Amino acid sequence: MKNKNFLIGDKVELIDDDVSGIVTKVESNEVIFETSDGFEMRVPFSLVVKIDGQLDVDLKDDILLEKLKSDLNPKQKGPSPKPKRQQPAMEVDLHIHNLVDKTSHLSNFEMLNIQLEHSRKKIEFAMEKRIKRIVFIHGVGQGVLKAELYTLFRRYDQIEFYDADYQKYGLGATEIYIYDQ
């Protein structure tokens, strides 16, 4: 993931929504900012732009180009189309007791491989069905499954991943966003 030179204190806005705020933290592949309402948002770099001072815009960014094209095209007369609702995220619970009946005969390595293979199948299914968002519920534990999931996610060019909504899932979940190819 590339750092788009966001700095703490920068004013930013979501590309596809009227939400803006001030950057409070920058991580390896996402920016965290506080909205004017006091809410903290965590989003991938590709979904946010600076709005104050000089803009750092990547014109090769497909999402940004589509947004710019739609904003520049004249609006058609007549009834306005219904706004698209954001598709809810598909949830995948990777706790081993949800994937197999008995675990007593399985080693930790075998359980991990079952969880990773299940994750891979869900990603492929989502891509085939054009599902954009998946939340993988992996739990906290020692972090082995989470680290292996991140390795799996990095194999796909069209996937960005980040911590899932803390209020809904706590620390034990990761959300991925799948871009169109």
Protein backbone atom coordinates (compact mmCIF):
# COMPACT_ATOMS: atom_id res chain seq x y z
CA MET A 1 0.00 0.00 0.00
CA LYS A 2 1.32 3.42 -0.74
CA ASN A 3 1.34 6.31 1.72
CA LYS A 4 -0.38 9.26 0.10
CA ASN A 5 1.63 11.68 2.27
CA PHE A 6 -1.14 12.24 4.79
CA LEU A 7 0.03 14.03 7.91
CA ILE A 8 -1.57 14.39 11.32
CA GLY A 9 -3.63 17.59 11.22
CA ASP A 10 -4.46 17.43 7.48
CA LYS A 11 -8.06 18.11 6.50
CA VAL A 12 -9.46 15.16 4.51
CA GLU A 13 -12.72 14.11 2.89
CA LEU A 14 -14.09 10.75 1.76
CA ILE A 15 -14.14 10.45 -2.03
CA ASP A 16 -17.66 9.07 -2.32
CA ASP A 17 -19.38 10.66 0.68
CA ASP A 18 -19.81 14.09 2.22
CA VAL A 19 -17.73 13.27 5.31
CA SER A 20 -14.65 15.25 6.25
CA GLY A 21 -12.38 15.64 9.23
CA ILE A 22 -8.87 16.07 10.61
CA VAL A 23 -6.24 13.31 10.40
CA THR A 24 -5.34 11.95 13.85
CA LYS A 25 -3.21 8.97 12.81
CA VAL A 26 -1.60 7.53 9.68
CA GLU A 27 -0.90 3.80 9.44
CA SER A 28 0.70 1.63 6.77
CA ASN A 29 -2.35 1.42 4.51
CA GLU A 30 -5.00 3.62 6.08
CA VAL A 31 -5.69 7.01 7.57
CA ILE A 32 -7.64 7.65 10.76
CA PHE A 33 -9.46 10.95 11.08
CA GLU A 34 -11.94 12.61 13.41
CA THR A 35 -15.09 14.00 11.83
CA SER A 36 -16.60 17.35 12.82
CA ASP A 37 -19.15 15.32 14.82
CA GLY A 38 -16.34 13.81 16.89
CA PHE A 39 -16.47 10.32 15.35
CA GLU A 40 -13.27 8.50 14.46
CA MET A 41 -13.12 6.96 10.98
CA ARG A 42 -10.53 4.48 9.71
CA VAL A 43 -10.33 4.21 5.91
CA PRO A 44 -7.86 3.05 3.25
CA PHE A 45 -5.80 5.77 1.56
CA SER A 46 -7.61 5.21 -1.75
CA LEU A 47 -10.98 6.30 -0.30
CA VAL A 48 -9.90 9.70 1.09
CA VAL A 49 -8.35 12.94 -0.26
CA LYS A 50 -6.85 16.05 1.30
CA ILE A 51 -9.14 19.07 1.05
CA ASP A 52 -7.01 21.84 2.53
CA GLY A 53 -3.83 23.13 0.92
CA GLN A 54 -2.17 21.26 -1.93
CA LEU A 55 -3.91 18.08 -3.02
CA ASP A 56 -1.87 14.94 -3.57
CA VAL A 57 -4.00 13.30 -6.26
CA ASP A 58 -3.06 10.11 -8.11
CA LEU A 59 -4.76 10.43 -11.51
CA LYS A 60 -4.14 6.73 -12.11
CA ASP A 61 -6.45 5.91 -9.19
CA ASP A 62 -9.56 4.34 -10.79
CA ILE A 63 -11.91 5.19 -7.92
CA LEU A 64 -10.86 8.84 -7.94
CA LEU A 65 -11.17 9.06 -11.74
CA GLU A 66 -14.70 7.62 -11.67
CA LYS A 67 -15.69 10.10 -8.96
CA LEU A 68 -14.23 13.01 -10.94
CA LYS A 69 -15.98 11.89 -14.14
CA SER A 70 -19.33 11.57 -12.39
CA ASP A 71 -18.93 15.00 -10.77
CA LEU A 72 -17.99 16.66 -14.08
CA ASN A 73 -20.76 15.10 -16.20
CA PRO A 74 -23.81 17.36 -16.47
CA LYS A 75 -26.76 16.13 -14.46
CA GLN A 76 -29.71 14.79 -16.42
CA LYS A 77 -33.12 16.41 -16.08
CA GLY A 78 -35.95 14.37 -14.66
CA PRO A 79 -36.34 12.26 -11.55
CA SER A 80 -33.11 11.65 -9.77
CA PRO A 81 -32.06 8.03 -9.42
CA LYS A 82 -32.23 6.44 -6.01
CA PRO A 83 -28.88 6.66 -4.27
CA LYS A 84 -27.09 3.34 -4.07
CA ARG A 85 -27.01 1.94 -0.58
CA GLN A 86 -23.73 0.54 0.52
CA GLN A 87 -23.88 -3.22 0.36
CA PRO A 88 -23.55 -4.74 3.84
CA ALA A 89 -20.34 -6.62 4.48
CA MET A 90 -20.35 -10.39 4.27
CA GLU A 91 -19.30 -11.81 7.65
CA VAL A 92 -17.07 -14.87 7.88
CA ASP A 93 -16.55 -16.34 11.36
CA LEU A 94 -13.25 -18.22 11.36
CA HIS A 95 -13.49 -19.69 14.85
CA ILE A 96 -12.56 -23.34 14.30
CA HIS A 97 -15.62 -24.75 16.10
CA ASN A 98 -17.76 -23.11 13.38
CA LEU A 99 -15.81 -24.82 10.59
CA VAL A 100 -15.42 -28.43 11.80
CA ASP A 101 -17.37 -30.74 14.09
CA LYS A 102 -14.43 -32.06 16.13
CA THR A 103 -11.08 -30.43 16.77
CA SER A 104 -9.53 -32.97 19.15
CA HIS A 105 -7.87 -34.89 16.30
CA LEU A 106 -6.46 -31.74 14.62
CA SER A 107 -3.09 -30.10 15.24
CA ASN A 108 -2.83 -26.31 15.44
CA PHE A 109 -1.24 -26.33 11.98
CA GLU A 110 -4.16 -28.31 10.52
CA MET A 111 -6.72 -25.99 12.15
CA LEU A 112 -4.90 -22.93 10.78
CA ASN A 113 -4.87 -24.42 7.27
CA ILE A 114 -8.61 -25.15 7.47
CA GLN A 115 -9.27 -21.54 8.49
CA LEU A 116 -7.07 -20.13 5.72
CA GLU A 117 -8.58 -22.38 3.04
CA HIS A 118 -12.08 -21.36 4.18
CA SER A 119 -11.02 -17.69 3.94
CA ARG A 120 -9.59 -18.16 0.45
CA LYS A 121 -12.83 -19.80 -0.74
CA LYS A 122 -14.89 -16.94 0.70
CA ILE A 123 -12.71 -14.36 -1.07
CA GLU A 124 -13.07 -16.20 -4.39
CA PHE A 125 -16.85 -16.49 -3.85
CA ALA A 126 -17.11 -12.77 -3.09
CA MET A 127 -15.13 -11.87 -6.22
CA GLU A 128 -17.34 -14.11 -8.35
CA LYS A 129 -20.55 -12.64 -6.87
CA ARG A 130 -19.19 -9.06 -6.91
CA ILE A 131 -19.41 -8.70 -3.12
CA LYS A 132 -17.26 -5.71 -2.19
CA ARG A 133 -16.76 -6.08 1.56
CA ILE A 134 -16.01 -9.05 3.80
CA VAL A 135 -15.44 -9.00 7.56
CA PHE A 136 -13.30 -11.92 8.74
CA ILE A 137 -13.89 -12.60 12.44
CA HIS A 138 -10.66 -14.23 13.60
CA GLY A 139 -10.54 -13.45 17.32
CA VAL A 140 -7.61 -12.01 19.21
CA GLY A 141 -5.58 -14.95 20.53
CA GLN A 142 -1.86 -14.82 19.81
CA GLY A 143 -2.35 -13.18 16.41
CA VAL A 144 -1.16 -16.10 14.26
CA LEU A 145 -4.38 -16.40 12.24
CA LYS A 146 -4.56 -12.63 11.75
CA ALA A 147 -0.97 -12.52 10.49
CA GLU A 148 -1.60 -15.42 8.09
CA LEU A 149 -4.80 -13.76 6.83
CA TYR A 150 -2.83 -10.58 6.08
CA THR A 151 -0.37 -12.68 4.06
CA LEU A 152 -3.31 -14.20 2.15
CA PHE A 153 -4.88 -10.78 1.49
CA ARG A 154 -1.60 -9.40 0.12
CA ARG A 155 -1.69 -12.04 -2.64
CA TYR A 156 -4.62 -10.19 -4.22
CA ASP A 157 -3.91 -6.88 -6.00
CA GLN A 158 -7.57 -5.83 -5.84
CA ILE A 159 -7.93 -6.18 -2.04
CA GLU A 160 -7.35 -3.61 0.69
CA PHE A 161 -7.70 -4.66 4.30
CA TYR A 162 -8.02 -2.88 7.61
CA ASP A 163 -9.34 -3.41 11.14
CA ALA A 164 -13.10 -3.93 11.16
CA ASP A 165 -15.44 -1.63 13.10
CA TYR A 166 -14.22 -1.79 16.70
CA GLN A 167 -17.63 -0.98 18.19
CA LYS A 168 -19.24 -3.90 16.36
CA TYR A 169 -16.44 -6.51 16.33
CA GLY A 170 -13.85 -5.47 18.92
CA LEU A 171 -10.20 -6.17 18.13
CA GLY A 172 -10.71 -9.63 16.63
CA ALA A 173 -11.90 -8.83 13.10
CA THR A 174 -10.46 -7.59 9.82
CA GLU A 175 -12.45 -6.09 6.95
CA ILE A 176 -11.41 -6.33 3.33
CA TYR A 177 -12.57 -4.24 0.41
CA ILE A 178 -12.49 -5.80 -3.07
CA TYR A 179 -11.99 -3.46 -6.02
CA ASP A 180 -13.33 -4.16 -9.51
CA GLN A 181 -10.73 -5.44 -11.94
